[in-house]
Structure formats: C-alpha cells, structure tokens
Amino acid sequence: MLQDTTDLVAMAEALSRSPDYRILRRLVARPTYEPTLGQEVRTGVLLDTETTGLDHAKDEIIELGMVKFDYSADGRIVGVRDTFSAFNEPSVPISAEVTALTGITHEMVAGHRLDDAAVTDFVGDSVVTIAHNSGFDRRFVERYWPVFEHKAWACSATEIDWRAHGFAGAQLGYLLNGAGFFHQAHRAVDDCHALLEVLAFELPTTGAPALALLLETARKPTLRVWAEQTAFELKDSLKRRGYRWNDGSDGRPKSWFIDVDETALDDEIAFLRSQIYMREVEPSVQRLTAFTRFSCRA
C-alpha cells in the first residue's frame, strides 16, 4: 500500500493527463484569508439551510451553514473570509423522514439556538447571497432575519443552464464531480464549501468561472407572466411550456406563471393569446430583480 503522498499526487497527475481516466480529489475546505490593503474585492455569502419541512411559513430551520467569500469584478473567487455553522432546536421533534434526509437528530440540536445578532453581523457587509436552491432557502431565512430581505440573491441551481456547459445535471454532487472533486457532506456548511469550488470552476464553454456567469444572469431583470383563470384542460400545455402552479396560499395569485427574460415577453404573450385564451389578453406581468427574485414577497 502506497503511503507516500508525493507518489499519490504524481500518479493522479499522470492519470489526469490521459483521456481514459478522470481524477476526483477529496474536497478540502479553503482556509480563511485576510484581504490586502487596497485590494478591490466584493463579498458574497454562500448559504444552506436544513429545515423540519418544506413550508417556510410554519416549518423551522434546524441548521444554518454559511461561507463568506471575496471575489473580483470578473467573478473570480479570491478567498474565504469566514464560515458560520450552527444548529437550532425546533419547537417540535424532528421527524424520522427529516432525519433520514439530513442526518440531523433531535439530540444533535437539543439546547442549540441560532444567534440572531451573529447571523445579521455575518452577512452585513456582503453584496450577494447565493444558495443552491434560493427559492427554498431565501424564504426561510427572510422569516428569521430581515437582513436577507435587502440583499441581492442568486440561485446556482436554476440561474445557470449546467447541462449546456457539459454537466450531467444541476445537483450539487454532479456539479462537484464535474469540477473534479468529491466530498462527504455532513453539515450544511460542507455543502457551502462544495458550492464554492463549483462556482470557482472555469467553464470550458466560456473560459470564465461559473460564478461570473451566475452573477451576470442574476443581475438581469426577469418578468413573471401570470396566466390567470385558464381552463383546467390546458394545464398540460402550460406545464410543457414551463409554467408552474401557485396555489395562492402565499398571497400571490392562484394561477400558473412563468419567468422569462425581457426579450421573450412578446413571444410569451403571443403564446397565451393563440394557444391558451384564444383571444387578445393582457396578462399580469411582474418585474423581478436580484433583490426580489426568490422572495416570498415577490
């Protein structure tokens, strides 16, 4: 059995140069760094939550993980500033289903409380919050900490077309493997470290880090088109088009909706007029930005 790390590294390098092999390296979290005086960087936060369920209005956060990092204007990650990892004891026991999914038991969180001031202070100087399912995570953390309502958000799962860039899918494990790493995820903060390396990965299709593409997409406004009062039998046509259903429980319309960029609005309205309503209509259109997208307020 080989014990010499130098030999193992050399073997890995040799294999990586062959088209017949792919090398996955165990992910090691980056150490924290101190930015140099005068260095022009921006600060972002990667965030992941584990919860007692899917309903942001009633379920509770049981774990919060965050990694604060600096990046340059061209989207290159400069270094990790700090990390945050904490459990939170919910008001009800954690279900067996949630434990099976997250690995978190009620014994692990017993007696733990999230420090509101510490969370607020941690994200205070950041300009963007990134999660791998921002439509889920943002709604939970906004309920706990108002500071997140005023942050720009980006979603690494949905705001990059990963398959178009050669990845097998958008699941974090697939992306991390595609970037050349594997990790044994145990805590929410571990997934944040994994996401950092995914975003640092240089996409062969663009020659730039994935973070650069994500920020470019997030900065663009999108338009949410509401297809209200449509016939039930047209639901399959709407689903094939990419529409999603909102049940109205969150105060938004009980309706089908789709998010499109500004250049696609005319085509979307034409689709609704010709294929769904069969008449001239002016559907409700809502403008979303990185500050409102994924929020329960949008």
C-alpha atoms as a PDB file:
ATOM      1  CA  MET A   1       0.000   0.000   0.000  1.00  0.00           C
ATOM      2  CA  LEU A   2       1.396   3.375  -1.031  1.00  0.00           C
ATOM      3  CA  GLN A   3       1.946   5.756   1.862  1.00  0.00           C
ATOM      4  CA  ASP A   4       3.954   8.491   0.188  1.00  0.00           C
ATOM      5  CA  THR A   5       1.653  11.404  -0.599  1.00  0.00           C
ATOM      6  CA  THR A   6       4.093  12.658  -3.216  1.00  0.00           C
ATOM      7  CA  ASP A   7       3.787   9.370  -5.098  1.00  0.00           C
ATOM      8  CA  LEU A   8      -0.004   9.536  -4.974  1.00  0.00           C
ATOM      9  CA  VAL A   9      -0.025  13.091  -6.290  1.00  0.00           C
ATOM     10  CA  ALA A  10       2.292  12.140  -9.125  1.00  0.00           C
ATOM     11  CA  MET A  11       0.090   9.181 -10.027  1.00  0.00           C
ATOM     12  CA  ALA A  12      -3.004  11.365 -10.007  1.00  0.00           C
ATOM     13  CA  GLU A  13      -1.320  13.930 -12.237  1.00  0.00           C
ATOM     14  CA  ALA A  14      -0.258  11.236 -14.682  1.00  0.00           C
ATOM     15  CA  LEU A  15      -3.742   9.742 -14.828  1.00  0.00           C
ATOM     16  CA  SER A  16      -5.353  13.150 -15.301  1.00  0.00           C
ATOM     17  CA  ARG A  17      -3.311  13.690 -18.455  1.00  0.00           C
ATOM     18  CA  SER A  18      -4.825  10.576 -20.021  1.00  0.00           C
ATOM     19  CA  PRO A  19      -8.182  10.782 -21.846  1.00  0.00           C
ATOM     20  CA  ASP A  20      -9.011   7.345 -20.400  1.00  0.00           C
ATOM     21  CA  TYR A  21      -9.216   8.487 -16.788  1.00  0.00           C
ATOM     22  CA  ARG A  22     -10.876  11.148 -14.699  1.00  0.00           C
ATOM     23  CA  ILE A  23      -9.486  12.100 -11.313  1.00  0.00           C
ATOM     24  CA  LEU A  24     -11.680  13.219  -8.421  1.00  0.00           C
ATOM     25  CA  ARG A  25      -9.933  14.814  -5.474  1.00  0.00           C
ATOM     26  CA  ARG A  26     -11.370  14.958  -1.973  1.00  0.00           C
ATOM     27  CA  LEU A  27     -12.621  18.448  -1.284  1.00  0.00           C
ATOM     28  CA  VAL A  28     -10.646  20.237   1.389  1.00  0.00           C
ATOM     29  CA  ALA A  29     -12.219  23.465   2.610  1.00  0.00           C
ATOM     30  CA  ARG A  30     -10.188  26.534   1.778  1.00  0.00           C
ATOM     31  CA  PRO A  31      -8.544  28.258   4.742  1.00  0.00           C
ATOM     32  CA  THR A  32      -9.648  31.788   5.574  1.00  0.00           C
ATOM     33  CA  TYR A  33      -7.567  34.693   4.308  1.00  0.00           C
ATOM     34  CA  GLU A  34      -7.115  38.386   5.013  1.00  0.00           C
ATOM     35  CA  PRO A  35      -7.594  40.752   2.050  1.00  0.00           C
ATOM     36  CA  THR A  36      -4.641  43.023   1.402  1.00  0.00           C
ATOM     37  CA  LEU A  37      -4.983  46.751   1.879  1.00  0.00           C
ATOM     38  CA  GLY A  38      -6.387  48.401  -1.245  1.00  0.00           C
ATOM     39  CA  GLN A  39      -7.410  45.109  -2.838  1.00  0.00           C
ATOM     40  CA  GLU A  40     -10.584  45.629  -4.846  1.00  0.00           C
ATOM     41  CA  VAL A  41     -12.929  42.791  -3.965  1.00  0.00           C
ATOM     42  CA  ARG A  42     -16.619  42.249  -3.371  1.00  0.00           C
ATOM     43  CA  THR A  43     -18.049  39.995  -0.689  1.00  0.00           C
ATOM     44  CA  GLY A  44     -20.645  37.266  -1.145  1.00  0.00           C
ATOM     45  CA  VAL A  45     -22.236  34.694   1.134  1.00  0.00           C
ATOM     46  CA  LEU A  46     -22.997  31.080   0.250  1.00  0.00           C
ATOM     47  CA  LEU A  47     -25.881  29.769   2.320  1.00  0.00           C
ATOM     48  CA  ASP A  48     -27.555  26.426   3.020  1.00  0.00           C
ATOM     49  CA  THR A  49     -30.335  25.521   5.432  1.00  0.00           C
ATOM     50  CA  GLU A  50     -31.757  22.305   6.796  1.00  0.00           C
ATOM     51  CA  THR A  51     -35.347  22.511   7.987  1.00  0.00           C
ATOM     52  CA  THR A  52     -38.128  20.496   9.584  1.00  0.00           C
ATOM     53  CA  GLY A  53     -40.156  20.619   6.359  1.00  0.00           C
ATOM     54  CA  LEU A  54     -40.846  22.465   3.122  1.00  0.00           C
ATOM     55  CA  ASP A  55     -43.333  25.088   4.314  1.00  0.00           C
ATOM     56  CA  HIS A  56     -41.443  28.303   5.003  1.00  0.00           C
ATOM     57  CA  ALA A  57     -44.452  29.748   6.845  1.00  0.00           C
ATOM     58  CA  LYS A  58     -44.569  27.092   9.572  1.00  0.00           C
ATOM     59  CA  ASP A  59     -41.565  24.766   9.405  1.00  0.00           C
ATOM     60  CA  GLU A  60     -38.348  25.668  11.187  1.00  0.00           C
ATOM     61  CA  ILE A  61     -34.637  25.914  10.444  1.00  0.00           C
ATOM     62  CA  ILE A  62     -32.633  23.264  12.273  1.00  0.00           C
ATOM     63  CA  GLU A  63     -29.236  24.055  10.767  1.00  0.00           C
ATOM     64  CA  LEU A  64     -27.688  27.055   9.050  1.00  0.00           C
ATOM     65  CA  GLY A  65     -24.380  26.986   7.202  1.00  0.00           C
ATOM     66  CA  MET A  66     -22.692  29.952   5.517  1.00  0.00           C
ATOM     67  CA  VAL A  67     -19.368  30.701   3.849  1.00  0.00           C
ATOM     68  CA  LYS A  68     -18.391  34.337   3.324  1.00  0.00           C
ATOM     69  CA  PHE A  69     -16.008  34.865   0.425  1.00  0.00           C
ATOM     70  CA  ASP A  70     -14.418  37.624  -1.618  1.00  0.00           C
ATOM     71  CA  TYR A  71     -14.486  37.766  -5.391  1.00  0.00           C
ATOM     72  CA  SER A  72     -13.100  40.052  -8.068  1.00  0.00           C
ATOM     73  CA  ALA A  73     -15.043  42.142 -10.563  1.00  0.00           C
ATOM     74  CA  ASP A  74     -14.629  39.419 -13.208  1.00  0.00           C
ATOM     75  CA  GLY A  75     -16.165  36.766 -10.966  1.00  0.00           C
ATOM     76  CA  ARG A  76     -13.008  35.030  -9.770  1.00  0.00           C
ATOM     77  CA  ILE A  77     -13.014  33.855  -6.171  1.00  0.00           C
ATOM     78  CA  VAL A  78     -10.217  35.499  -4.205  1.00  0.00           C
ATOM     79  CA  GLY A  79     -10.562  33.796  -0.827  1.00  0.00           C
ATOM     80  CA  VAL A  80     -12.739  32.739   2.076  1.00  0.00           C
ATOM     81  CA  ARG A  81     -13.325  35.395   4.708  1.00  0.00           C
ATOM     82  CA  ASP A  82     -15.224  33.401   7.337  1.00  0.00           C
ATOM     83  CA  THR A  83     -17.564  30.466   7.941  1.00  0.00           C
ATOM     84  CA  PHE A  84     -20.713  30.022  10.024  1.00  0.00           C
ATOM     85  CA  SER A  85     -22.253  26.744  11.153  1.00  0.00           C
ATOM     86  CA  ALA A  86     -24.921  26.305  13.813  1.00  0.00           C
ATOM     87  CA  PHE A  87     -27.791  24.071  14.869  1.00  0.00           C
ATOM     88  CA  ASN A  88     -31.182  25.248  16.092  1.00  0.00           C
ATOM     89  CA  GLU A  89     -33.590  23.279  18.270  1.00  0.00           C
ATOM     90  CA  PRO A  90     -37.105  23.435  16.772  1.00  0.00           C
ATOM     91  CA  SER A  91     -40.296  23.673  18.797  1.00  0.00           C
ATOM     92  CA  VAL A  92     -41.333  20.148  17.745  1.00  0.00           C
ATOM     93  CA  PRO A  93     -39.303  16.907  17.493  1.00  0.00           C
ATOM     94  CA  ILE A  94     -37.527  16.291  14.196  1.00  0.00           C
ATOM     95  CA  SER A  95     -39.383  13.677  12.166  1.00  0.00           C
ATOM     96  CA  ALA A  96     -37.819  10.392  11.107  1.00  0.00           C
ATOM     97  CA  GLU A  97     -38.168  11.473   7.466  1.00  0.00           C
ATOM     98  CA  VAL A  98     -36.181  14.658   8.046  1.00  0.00           C
ATOM     99  CA  THR A  99     -33.503  12.771   9.976  1.00  0.00           C
ATOM    100  CA  ALA A 100     -33.207  10.265   7.121  1.00  0.00           C
ATOM    101  CA  LEU A 101     -32.809  13.125   4.639  1.00  0.00           C
ATOM    102  CA  THR A 102     -30.463  15.382   6.610  1.00  0.00           C
ATOM    103  CA  GLY A 103     -28.774  13.108   9.123  1.00  0.00           C
ATOM    104  CA  ILE A 104     -29.817  15.509  11.896  1.00  0.00           C
ATOM    105  CA  THR A 105     -31.439  14.096  15.009  1.00  0.00           C
ATOM    106  CA  HIS A 106     -33.257  15.918  17.770  1.00  0.00           C
ATOM    107  CA  GLU A 107     -30.409  15.011  20.127  1.00  0.00           C
ATOM    108  CA  MET A 108     -27.942  16.862  17.902  1.00  0.00           C
ATOM    109  CA  VAL A 109     -29.882  20.123  18.031  1.00  0.00           C
ATOM    110  CA  ALA A 110     -31.097  19.932  21.651  1.00  0.00           C
ATOM    111  CA  GLY A 111     -30.230  23.091  23.530  1.00  0.00           C
ATOM    112  CA  HIS A 112     -28.906  24.925  20.471  1.00  0.00           C
ATOM    113  CA  ARG A 113     -30.207  28.331  19.394  1.00  0.00           C
ATOM    114  CA  LEU A 114     -29.298  30.425  16.386  1.00  0.00           C
ATOM    115  CA  ASP A 115     -27.762  33.736  17.445  1.00  0.00           C
ATOM    116  CA  ASP A 116     -29.747  36.366  15.533  1.00  0.00           C
ATOM    117  CA  ALA A 117     -27.143  39.079  16.066  1.00  0.00           C
ATOM    118  CA  ALA A 118     -24.335  36.793  14.885  1.00  0.00           C
ATOM    119  CA  VAL A 119     -26.200  35.878  11.699  1.00  0.00           C
ATOM    120  CA  THR A 120     -27.007  39.510  10.927  1.00  0.00           C
ATOM    121  CA  ASP A 121     -23.420  40.572  11.571  1.00  0.00           C
ATOM    122  CA  PHE A 122     -22.024  37.735   9.429  1.00  0.00           C
ATOM    123  CA  VAL A 123     -23.908  38.796   6.285  1.00  0.00           C
ATOM    124  CA  GLY A 124     -23.873  42.512   6.965  1.00  0.00           C
ATOM    125  CA  ASP A 125     -21.060  43.529   4.575  1.00  0.00           C
ATOM    126  CA  SER A 126     -21.971  41.123   1.753  1.00  0.00           C
ATOM    127  CA  VAL A 127     -23.465  42.273  -1.539  1.00  0.00           C
ATOM    128  CA  VAL A 128     -24.979  38.987  -2.724  1.00  0.00           C
ATOM    129  CA  THR A 129     -26.333  35.804  -1.139  1.00  0.00           C
ATOM    130  CA  ILE A 130     -26.097  32.587  -3.148  1.00  0.00           C
ATOM    131  CA  ALA A 131     -27.871  29.309  -2.408  1.00  0.00           C
ATOM    132  CA  HIS A 132     -28.234  26.161  -4.456  1.00  0.00           C
ATOM    133  CA  ASN A 133     -31.991  26.432  -4.139  1.00  0.00           C
ATOM    134  CA  SER A 134     -32.657  30.082  -3.428  1.00  0.00           C
ATOM    135  CA  GLY A 135     -36.402  29.655  -3.968  1.00  0.00           C
ATOM    136  CA  PHE A 136     -36.350  27.496  -0.838  1.00  0.00           C
ATOM    137  CA  ASP A 137     -33.608  28.969   1.336  1.00  0.00           C
ATOM    138  CA  ARG A 138     -34.411  32.649   0.866  1.00  0.00           C
ATOM    139  CA  ARG A 139     -37.983  32.280   2.101  1.00  0.00           C
ATOM    140  CA  PHE A 140     -36.852  30.555   5.275  1.00  0.00           C
ATOM    141  CA  VAL A 141     -34.056  32.933   6.230  1.00  0.00           C
ATOM    142  CA  GLU A 142     -36.127  36.021   5.471  1.00  0.00           C
ATOM    143  CA  ARG A 143     -38.647  34.853   8.043  1.00  0.00           C
ATOM    144  CA  TYR A 144     -35.920  34.613  10.681  1.00  0.00           C
ATOM    145  CA  TRP A 145     -33.640  37.536   9.785  1.00  0.00           C
ATOM    146  CA  PRO A 146     -34.901  40.664   7.964  1.00  0.00           C
ATOM    147  CA  VAL A 147     -31.360  41.477   6.795  1.00  0.00           C
ATOM    148  CA  PHE A 148     -31.813  38.943   3.979  1.00  0.00           C
ATOM    149  CA  GLU A 149     -34.784  40.863   2.578  1.00  0.00           C
ATOM    150  CA  HIS A 150     -32.446  43.637   1.484  1.00  0.00           C
ATOM    151  CA  LYS A 151     -29.749  41.500  -0.128  1.00  0.00           C
ATOM    152  CA  ALA A 152     -29.359  40.631  -3.790  1.00  0.00           C
ATOM    153  CA  TRP A 153     -29.796  36.879  -4.329  1.00  0.00           C
ATOM    154  CA  ALA A 154     -28.627  34.380  -6.922  1.00  0.00           C
ATOM    155  CA  CYS A 155     -29.546  30.715  -7.360  1.00  0.00           C
ATOM    156  CA  SER A 156     -26.732  28.444  -8.504  1.00  0.00           C
ATOM    157  CA  ALA A 157     -29.175  25.626  -9.272  1.00  0.00           C
ATOM    158  CA  THR A 158     -31.530  27.463 -11.618  1.00  0.00           C
ATOM    159  CA  GLU A 159     -29.700  30.523 -12.963  1.00  0.00           C
ATOM    160  CA  ILE A 160     -27.067  28.529 -14.836  1.00  0.00           C
ATOM    161  CA  ASP A 161     -28.007  26.033 -17.529  1.00  0.00           C
ATOM    162  CA  TRP A 162     -25.490  23.463 -16.310  1.00  0.00           C
ATOM    163  CA  ARG A 163     -26.281  20.885 -18.983  1.00  0.00           C
ATOM    164  CA  ALA A 164     -25.441  23.436 -21.671  1.00  0.00           C
ATOM    165  CA  HIS A 165     -21.990  23.679 -20.101  1.00  0.00           C
ATOM    166  CA  GLY A 166     -21.300  19.955 -20.114  1.00  0.00           C
ATOM    167  CA  PHE A 167     -22.570  18.853 -16.700  1.00  0.00           C
ATOM    168  CA  ALA A 168     -24.820  15.851 -16.105  1.00  0.00           C
ATOM    169  CA  GLY A 169     -27.351  17.880 -14.133  1.00  0.00           C
ATOM    170  CA  ALA A 170     -27.775  20.617 -11.591  1.00  0.00           C
ATOM    171  CA  GLN A 171     -27.497  18.527  -8.413  1.00  0.00           C
ATOM    172  CA  LEU A 172     -24.633  19.745  -6.274  1.00  0.00           C
ATOM    173  CA  GLY A 173     -22.951  16.320  -6.223  1.00  0.00           C
ATOM    174  CA  TYR A 174     -22.944  16.135 -10.036  1.00  0.00           C
ATOM    175  CA  LEU A 175     -21.510  19.631 -10.305  1.00  0.00           C
ATOM    176  CA  LEU A 176     -18.806  18.975  -7.741  1.00  0.00           C
ATOM    177  CA  ASN A 177     -17.760  15.798  -9.568  1.00  0.00           C
ATOM    178  CA  GLY A 178     -17.701  17.732 -12.821  1.00  0.00           C
ATOM    179  CA  ALA A 179     -15.382  20.250 -11.198  1.00  0.00           C
ATOM    180  CA  GLY A 180     -13.046  17.398 -10.208  1.00  0.00           C
ATOM    181  CA  PHE A 181     -13.932  16.897  -6.534  1.00  0.00           C
ATOM    182  CA  PHE A 182     -15.911  14.664  -4.218  1.00  0.00           C
ATOM    183  CA  HIS A 183     -16.967  15.376  -0.652  1.00  0.00           C
ATOM    184  CA  GLN A 184     -18.614  13.575   2.198  1.00  0.00           C
ATOM    185  CA  ALA A 185     -21.308  16.046   3.095  1.00  0.00           C
ATOM    186  CA  HIS A 186     -22.303  16.037   6.736  1.00  0.00           C
ATOM    187  CA  ARG A 187     -23.218  19.605   7.576  1.00  0.00           C
ATOM    188  CA  ALA A 188     -24.806  22.491   5.722  1.00  0.00           C
ATOM    189  CA  VAL A 189     -21.518  24.398   5.744  1.00  0.00           C
ATOM    190  CA  ASP A 190     -19.852  21.459   3.935  1.00  0.00           C
ATOM    191  CA  ASP A 191     -22.235  21.953   1.037  1.00  0.00           C
ATOM    192  CA  CYS A 192     -21.356  25.654   1.031  1.00  0.00           C
ATOM    193  CA  HIS A 193     -17.656  24.783   0.677  1.00  0.00           C
ATOM    194  CA  ALA A 194     -18.588  22.401  -2.153  1.00  0.00           C
ATOM    195  CA  LEU A 195     -20.591  25.099  -3.905  1.00  0.00           C
ATOM    196  CA  LEU A 196     -17.645  27.490  -3.618  1.00  0.00           C
ATOM    197  CA  GLU A 197     -15.479  25.128  -5.669  1.00  0.00           C
ATOM    198  CA  VAL A 198     -18.234  24.620  -8.219  1.00  0.00           C
ATOM    199  CA  LEU A 199     -18.516  28.377  -8.695  1.00  0.00           C
ATOM    200  CA  ALA A 200     -14.731  28.692  -8.900  1.00  0.00           C
ATOM    201  CA  PHE A 201     -14.620  26.100 -11.693  1.00  0.00           C
ATOM    202  CA  GLU A 202     -13.718  27.566 -15.074  1.00  0.00           C
ATOM    203  CA  LEU A 203     -16.403  26.628 -17.590  1.00  0.00           C
ATOM    204  CA  PRO A 204     -14.890  25.239 -20.802  1.00  0.00           C
ATOM    205  CA  THR A 205     -17.660  26.915 -22.799  1.00  0.00           C
ATOM    206  CA  THR A 206     -16.892  30.432 -21.543  1.00  0.00           C
ATOM    207  CA  GLY A 207     -13.332  30.322 -20.245  1.00  0.00           C
ATOM    208  CA  ALA A 208     -14.553  32.085 -17.104  1.00  0.00           C
ATOM    209  CA  PRO A 209     -15.552  30.862 -13.643  1.00  0.00           C
ATOM    210  CA  ALA A 210     -19.122  29.675 -13.163  1.00  0.00           C
ATOM    211  CA  LEU A 211     -19.554  32.483 -10.632  1.00  0.00           C
ATOM    212  CA  ALA A 212     -19.090  35.066 -13.380  1.00  0.00           C
ATOM    213  CA  LEU A 213     -21.933  33.554 -15.414  1.00  0.00           C
ATOM    214  CA  LEU A 214     -24.176  33.268 -12.358  1.00  0.00           C
ATOM    215  CA  LEU A 215     -23.684  36.915 -11.404  1.00  0.00           C
ATOM    216  CA  GLU A 216     -24.285  38.034 -14.982  1.00  0.00           C
ATOM    217  CA  THR A 217     -27.586  36.146 -15.063  1.00  0.00           C
ATOM    218  CA  ALA A 218     -28.663  37.292 -11.613  1.00  0.00           C
ATOM    219  CA  ARG A 219     -28.133  40.946 -12.498  1.00  0.00           C
ATOM    220  CA  LYS A 220     -30.613  40.763 -15.375  1.00  0.00           C
ATOM    221  CA  PRO A 221     -34.249  41.533 -14.592  1.00  0.00           C
ATOM    222  CA  THR A 222     -36.804  38.852 -15.384  1.00  0.00           C
ATOM    223  CA  LEU A 223     -40.516  39.118 -15.989  1.00  0.00           C
ATOM    224  CA  ARG A 224     -43.070  36.895 -14.314  1.00  0.00           C
ATOM    225  CA  VAL A 225     -46.096  36.294 -16.517  1.00  0.00           C
ATOM    226  CA  TRP A 226     -49.266  35.164 -14.746  1.00  0.00           C
ATOM    227  CA  ALA A 227     -51.700  33.012 -16.732  1.00  0.00           C
ATOM    228  CA  GLU A 228     -54.761  33.521 -14.556  1.00  0.00           C
ATOM    229  CA  GLN A 229     -58.182  31.870 -14.961  1.00  0.00           C
ATOM    230  CA  THR A 230     -57.078  29.327 -17.530  1.00  0.00           C
ATOM    231  CA  ALA A 231     -59.118  26.249 -18.404  1.00  0.00           C
ATOM    232  CA  PHE A 232     -58.195  23.137 -16.427  1.00  0.00           C
ATOM    233  CA  GLU A 233     -57.751  21.029 -19.559  1.00  0.00           C
ATOM    234  CA  LEU A 234     -54.933  23.347 -20.711  1.00  0.00           C
ATOM    235  CA  LYS A 235     -52.699  22.586 -17.733  1.00  0.00           C
ATOM    236  CA  ASP A 236     -50.557  20.108 -19.672  1.00  0.00           C
ATOM    237  CA  SER A 237     -49.876  22.674 -22.393  1.00  0.00           C
ATOM    238  CA  LEU A 238     -48.829  25.185 -19.764  1.00  0.00           C
ATOM    239  CA  LYS A 239     -46.593  22.671 -17.989  1.00  0.00           C
ATOM    240  CA  ARG A 240     -44.885  21.716 -21.250  1.00  0.00           C
ATOM    241  CA  ARG A 241     -44.223  25.401 -21.849  1.00  0.00           C
ATOM    242  CA  GLY A 242     -42.510  25.666 -18.450  1.00  0.00           C
ATOM    243  CA  TYR A 243     -45.304  27.219 -16.389  1.00  0.00           C
ATOM    244  CA  ARG A 244     -45.514  26.421 -12.685  1.00  0.00           C
ATOM    245  CA  TRP A 245     -48.573  26.369 -10.457  1.00  0.00           C
ATOM    246  CA  ASN A 246     -49.047  28.657  -7.473  1.00  0.00           C
ATOM    247  CA  ASP A 247     -51.802  27.553  -5.111  1.00  0.00           C
ATOM    248  CA  GLY A 248     -52.482  31.041  -3.752  1.00  0.00           C
ATOM    249  CA  SER A 249     -51.588  30.178  -0.155  1.00  0.00           C
ATOM    250  CA  ASP A 250     -48.735  32.694  -0.156  1.00  0.00           C
ATOM    251  CA  GLY A 251     -50.893  35.676  -1.071  1.00  0.00           C
ATOM    252  CA  ARG A 252     -49.914  35.587  -4.733  1.00  0.00           C
ATOM    253  CA  PRO A 253     -52.471  34.719  -7.437  1.00  0.00           C
ATOM    254  CA  LYS A 254     -53.845  31.175  -7.587  1.00  0.00           C
ATOM    255  CA  SER A 255     -52.537  30.741 -11.075  1.00  0.00           C
ATOM    256  CA  TRP A 256     -49.990  29.337 -13.494  1.00  0.00           C
ATOM    257  CA  PHE A 257     -46.909  31.502 -14.027  1.00  0.00           C
ATOM    258  CA  ILE A 258     -43.594  31.554 -15.861  1.00  0.00           C
ATOM    259  CA  ASP A 259     -40.446  33.675 -15.536  1.00  0.00           C
ATOM    260  CA  VAL A 260     -38.901  34.915 -18.789  1.00  0.00           C
ATOM    261  CA  ASP A 261     -36.296  37.473 -19.734  1.00  0.00           C
ATOM    262  CA  GLU A 262     -37.356  40.761 -21.255  1.00  0.00           C
ATOM    263  CA  THR A 263     -36.619  39.707 -24.833  1.00  0.00           C
ATOM    264  CA  ALA A 264     -39.036  36.748 -24.582  1.00  0.00           C
ATOM    265  CA  LEU A 265     -42.057  38.648 -23.244  1.00  0.00           C
ATOM    266  CA  ASP A 266     -43.714  39.285 -26.604  1.00  0.00           C
ATOM    267  CA  ASP A 267     -43.427  35.608 -27.587  1.00  0.00           C
ATOM    268  CA  GLU A 268     -44.911  34.535 -24.257  1.00  0.00           C
ATOM    269  CA  ILE A 269     -47.898  36.817 -24.601  1.00  0.00           C
ATOM    270  CA  ALA A 270     -48.386  35.609 -28.176  1.00  0.00           C
ATOM    271  CA  PHE A 271     -48.403  32.011 -26.901  1.00  0.00           C
ATOM    272  CA  LEU A 272     -51.057  32.783 -24.306  1.00  0.00           C
ATOM    273  CA  ARG A 273     -53.240  34.610 -26.814  1.00  0.00           C
ATOM    274  CA  SER A 274     -53.034  31.971 -29.542  1.00  0.00           C
ATOM    275  CA  GLN A 275     -52.795  28.714 -27.566  1.00  0.00           C
ATOM    276  CA  ILE A 276     -54.447  29.311 -24.193  1.00  0.00           C
ATOM    277  CA  TYR A 277     -57.016  32.120 -24.190  1.00  0.00           C
ATOM    278  CA  MET A 278     -57.773  32.178 -27.942  1.00  0.00           C
ATOM    279  CA  ARG A 279     -58.306  35.932 -27.726  1.00  0.00           C
ATOM    280  CA  GLU A 280     -56.497  39.166 -27.074  1.00  0.00           C
ATOM    281  CA  VAL A 281     -55.481  39.355 -23.427  1.00  0.00           C
ATOM    282  CA  GLU A 282     -53.100  41.429 -21.359  1.00  0.00           C
ATOM    283  CA  PRO A 283     -51.746  39.056 -18.706  1.00  0.00           C
ATOM    284  CA  SER A 284     -50.381  40.383 -15.447  1.00  0.00           C
ATOM    285  CA  VAL A 285     -46.617  40.871 -15.700  1.00  0.00           C
ATOM    286  CA  GLN A 286     -44.359  41.335 -12.685  1.00  0.00           C
ATOM    287  CA  ARG A 287     -40.773  42.613 -12.929  1.00  0.00           C
ATOM    288  CA  LEU A 288     -38.241  40.785 -10.756  1.00  0.00           C
ATOM    289  CA  THR A 289     -34.636  41.640  -9.899  1.00  0.00           C
ATOM    290  CA  ALA A 290     -31.957  40.001  -7.781  1.00  0.00           C
ATOM    291  CA  PHE A 291     -33.379  41.901  -4.811  1.00  0.00           C
ATOM    292  CA  THR A 292     -36.908  40.499  -5.178  1.00  0.00           C
ATOM    293  CA  ARG A 293     -36.423  37.197  -7.015  1.00  0.00           C
ATOM    294  CA  PHE A 294     -36.984  34.047  -4.896  1.00  0.00           C
ATOM    295  CA  SER A 295     -38.508  36.081  -2.075  1.00  0.00           C
ATOM    296  CA  CYS A 296     -41.890  35.300  -0.541  1.00  0.00           C
ATOM    297  CA  ARG A 297     -42.603  38.983  -1.124  1.00  0.00           C
ATOM    298  CA  ALA A 298     -42.381  38.517  -4.910  1.00  0.00           C
END
